[in-house]
Amino acid sequence: MRVLGVDPGLTRCGVGVVEGVPGRPCTLVAYYVIHTDPGNELPLRLLHLDRTLTDLVAEHRPASVAVERVFSQHNVRTVMGTAQVSAVAVLAGARAGLPVQTYTPSEVKAAVTGSGRADKAQVTAMVTRLLGLTEAPRPADAADALALAICHVWRGGTRSKLAAAAAARRGGAA
């Protein structure tokens, strides 16, 4: 399964693409950081992100998209921009007809490090190790996006199977 992971950010948006199956090591396909100019108006920044994410989805043809779920932060301005970019990423996947799943930062950290409280350095180190890379993906936004994609391969496959089993049971019980 090929997954495109997105670590949403208005100035730097990480994108990572991996292939894999649950319970097995993933393989790196590509990673990127999409930059927007803080001096530009918000609509232009979001448009740039939308076009670039749409192009990356078309180029890499993932089976699904994983996006970091926005969580409450003290800086409302920062969380608003992150939430808007998250919505753009969700739409890019949905527009392509792909399933889109969101994960909290602690879910992603737990999936790749074993601890939902891991710091960025630990996540980057584990992503580097899990993908068998000789160098850490830089900046951290790229490593975070790859962690999201790995998390989805490992956890999303299980979620999909559970959802399918629940749906089959509901259909059989009716």
Protein backbone atom coordinates (compact mmCIF):
# COMPACT_ATOMS: atom_id res chain seq x y z
CA MET A 1 0.00 0.00 0.00
CA ARG A 2 1.34 3.43 -0.94
CA VAL A 3 0.51 6.25 1.48
CA LEU A 4 1.05 9.99 1.20
CA GLY A 5 1.50 11.58 4.65
CA VAL A 6 1.03 15.30 5.28
CA ASP A 7 2.37 17.26 8.25
CA PRO A 8 0.36 20.46 7.77
CA GLY A 9 2.03 23.81 8.24
CA LEU A 10 1.39 27.16 6.60
CA THR A 11 5.04 28.14 6.16
CA ARG A 12 6.46 24.61 5.87
CA CYS A 13 4.21 21.66 4.98
CA GLY A 14 5.88 18.26 5.11
CA VAL A 15 4.89 15.55 2.63
CA GLY A 16 6.15 11.98 2.74
CA VAL A 17 5.35 8.98 0.57
CA VAL A 18 6.02 5.39 1.66
CA GLU A 19 5.01 1.91 0.57
CA GLY A 20 4.42 -1.00 2.87
CA VAL A 21 2.08 -3.44 4.56
CA PRO A 22 1.13 -3.76 8.23
CA GLY A 23 3.76 -5.54 10.29
CA ARG A 24 6.54 -5.13 7.73
CA PRO A 25 9.15 -2.42 7.17
CA CYS A 26 8.08 0.40 4.86
CA THR A 27 10.02 1.68 1.88
CA LEU A 28 10.69 5.35 1.17
CA VAL A 29 9.25 6.63 -2.09
CA ALA A 30 9.84 10.38 -1.67
CA TYR A 31 9.58 13.32 0.68
CA TYR A 32 9.14 17.05 0.25
CA VAL A 33 8.64 20.27 2.16
CA ILE A 34 6.29 22.75 0.53
CA HIS A 35 7.21 26.32 1.45
CA THR A 36 4.93 29.33 1.33
CA ASP A 37 6.00 32.94 1.71
CA PRO A 38 4.71 34.46 4.97
CA GLY A 39 4.62 37.80 3.15
CA ASN A 40 1.92 36.55 0.76
CA GLU A 41 -1.78 36.77 1.50
CA LEU A 42 -3.40 33.67 3.01
CA PRO A 43 -5.48 32.77 -0.08
CA LEU A 44 -2.35 32.69 -2.26
CA ARG A 45 -0.49 30.55 0.26
CA LEU A 46 -3.35 28.06 0.51
CA LEU A 47 -3.71 27.99 -3.29
CA HIS A 48 -0.01 27.17 -3.66
CA LEU A 49 -0.35 24.35 -1.11
CA ASP A 50 -3.48 23.03 -2.84
CA ARG A 51 -1.87 22.97 -6.27
CA THR A 52 1.33 21.36 -5.01
CA LEU A 53 -0.46 18.70 -2.94
CA THR A 54 -2.78 17.93 -5.85
CA ASP A 55 0.25 17.53 -8.14
CA LEU A 56 2.00 15.25 -5.62
CA VAL A 57 -1.10 13.06 -5.25
CA ALA A 58 -1.31 12.78 -9.05
CA GLU A 59 2.41 12.06 -9.37
CA HIS A 60 2.69 9.42 -6.63
CA ARG A 61 -0.77 7.84 -6.94
CA PRO A 62 -1.12 6.81 -3.28
CA ALA A 63 -3.80 4.37 -2.14
CA SER A 64 -4.62 6.71 0.74
CA VAL A 65 -3.66 9.95 2.45
CA ALA A 66 -2.76 10.42 6.13
CA VAL A 67 -2.92 13.90 7.66
CA GLU A 68 -1.91 15.05 11.12
CA ARG A 69 -5.01 15.96 13.09
CA VAL A 70 -4.86 19.51 14.40
CA PHE A 71 -4.82 19.74 18.15
CA SER A 72 -5.36 22.69 20.46
CA GLN A 73 -2.41 24.99 20.88
CA HIS A 74 -2.01 28.15 22.90
CA ASN A 75 -1.25 30.25 19.81
CA VAL A 76 -4.63 30.56 18.05
CA ARG A 77 -3.06 32.16 14.96
CA THR A 78 -0.74 29.18 14.49
CA VAL A 79 -3.46 26.58 15.03
CA MET A 80 -5.78 28.35 12.56
CA GLY A 81 -3.17 28.26 9.79
CA THR A 82 -2.37 24.63 10.53
CA ALA A 83 -6.07 23.73 10.49
CA GLN A 84 -6.55 25.47 7.14
CA VAL A 85 -3.61 23.59 5.61
CA SER A 86 -4.94 20.35 7.08
CA ALA A 87 -8.25 20.98 5.32
CA VAL A 88 -6.42 21.62 2.03
CA ALA A 89 -4.59 18.28 2.44
CA VAL A 90 -7.82 16.42 3.24
CA LEU A 91 -9.47 17.95 0.18
CA ALA A 92 -6.54 17.03 -2.09
CA GLY A 93 -6.99 13.39 -1.10
CA ALA A 94 -10.79 13.48 -1.29
CA ARG A 95 -10.71 15.22 -4.67
CA ALA A 96 -8.61 12.32 -5.98
CA GLY A 97 -11.19 9.86 -4.60
CA LEU A 98 -8.79 8.53 -1.96
CA PRO A 99 -9.55 7.52 1.60
CA VAL A 100 -8.16 10.10 4.02
CA GLN A 101 -7.36 9.36 7.66
CA THR A 102 -6.23 11.79 10.35
CA TYR A 103 -3.97 10.93 13.27
CA THR A 104 -3.07 12.84 16.41
CA PRO A 105 0.60 13.60 17.02
CA SER A 106 0.62 11.15 19.96
CA GLU A 107 -0.82 8.34 17.77
CA VAL A 108 1.94 8.89 15.21
CA LYS A 109 4.68 9.06 17.86
CA ALA A 110 3.42 5.87 19.50
CA ALA A 111 3.29 4.06 16.15
CA VAL A 112 6.87 4.85 15.16
CA THR A 113 8.66 5.10 18.53
CA GLY A 114 6.50 3.14 20.95
CA SER A 115 5.86 6.26 23.04
CA GLY A 116 3.18 8.87 22.46
CA ARG A 117 5.41 11.38 24.26
CA ALA A 118 8.46 11.05 22.02
CA ASP A 119 10.16 14.27 20.94
CA LYS A 120 10.90 15.35 17.36
CA ALA A 121 14.47 14.02 17.52
CA GLN A 122 13.23 10.55 18.55
CA VAL A 123 10.62 10.52 15.76
CA THR A 124 13.23 11.57 13.19
CA ALA A 125 15.69 8.94 14.43
CA MET A 126 13.09 6.17 14.24
CA VAL A 127 11.85 7.22 10.80
CA THR A 128 15.47 7.15 9.60
CA ARG A 129 15.96 3.69 11.09
CA LEU A 130 12.59 2.27 9.99
CA LEU A 131 13.11 3.35 6.40
CA GLY A 132 16.77 2.27 6.36
CA LEU A 133 18.00 5.73 5.42
CA THR A 134 21.64 6.77 5.67
CA GLU A 135 20.67 10.34 6.58
CA ALA A 136 17.75 11.76 8.53
CA PRO A 137 15.05 13.45 6.44
CA ARG A 138 15.36 17.21 6.90
CA PRO A 139 13.73 19.38 8.00
CA ALA A 140 11.68 17.77 10.78
CA ASP A 141 8.46 18.50 8.84
CA ALA A 142 9.54 15.91 6.24
CA ALA A 143 10.33 13.31 8.92
CA ASP A 144 6.96 13.98 10.57
CA ALA A 145 5.15 13.49 7.25
CA LEU A 146 6.97 10.18 6.73
CA ALA A 147 6.04 9.15 10.28
CA LEU A 148 2.38 9.86 9.45
CA ALA A 149 2.59 7.69 6.35
CA ILE A 150 4.27 4.85 8.28
CA CYS A 151 1.65 5.16 11.04
CA HIS A 152 -1.12 4.83 8.46
CA VAL A 153 0.43 1.79 6.80
CA TRP A 154 0.75 0.06 10.16
CA ARG A 155 -2.43 1.28 11.86
CA GLY A 156 -4.66 2.30 8.97
CA GLY A 157 -4.66 -1.19 7.50
CA THR A 158 -5.86 -2.55 10.81
CA ARG A 159 -8.49 0.19 11.12
CA SER A 160 -9.77 -0.58 7.62
CA LYS A 161 -10.06 -4.31 8.39
CA LEU A 162 -11.91 -3.61 11.65
CA ALA A 163 -14.28 -1.19 9.91
CA ALA A 164 -14.95 -3.72 7.14
CA ALA A 165 -15.63 -6.47 9.67
CA ALA A 166 -17.98 -4.21 11.64
CA ALA A 167 -19.81 -3.24 8.45
CA ALA A 168 -20.14 -6.89 7.41
CA ARG A 169 -21.49 -7.78 10.83
CA ARG A 170 -24.04 -4.95 10.71
CA GLY A 171 -25.07 -6.10 7.24
CA GLY A 172 -25.38 -9.71 8.37
CA ALA A 173 -27.32 -8.80 11.52
CA ALA A 174 -29.91 -6.75 9.71
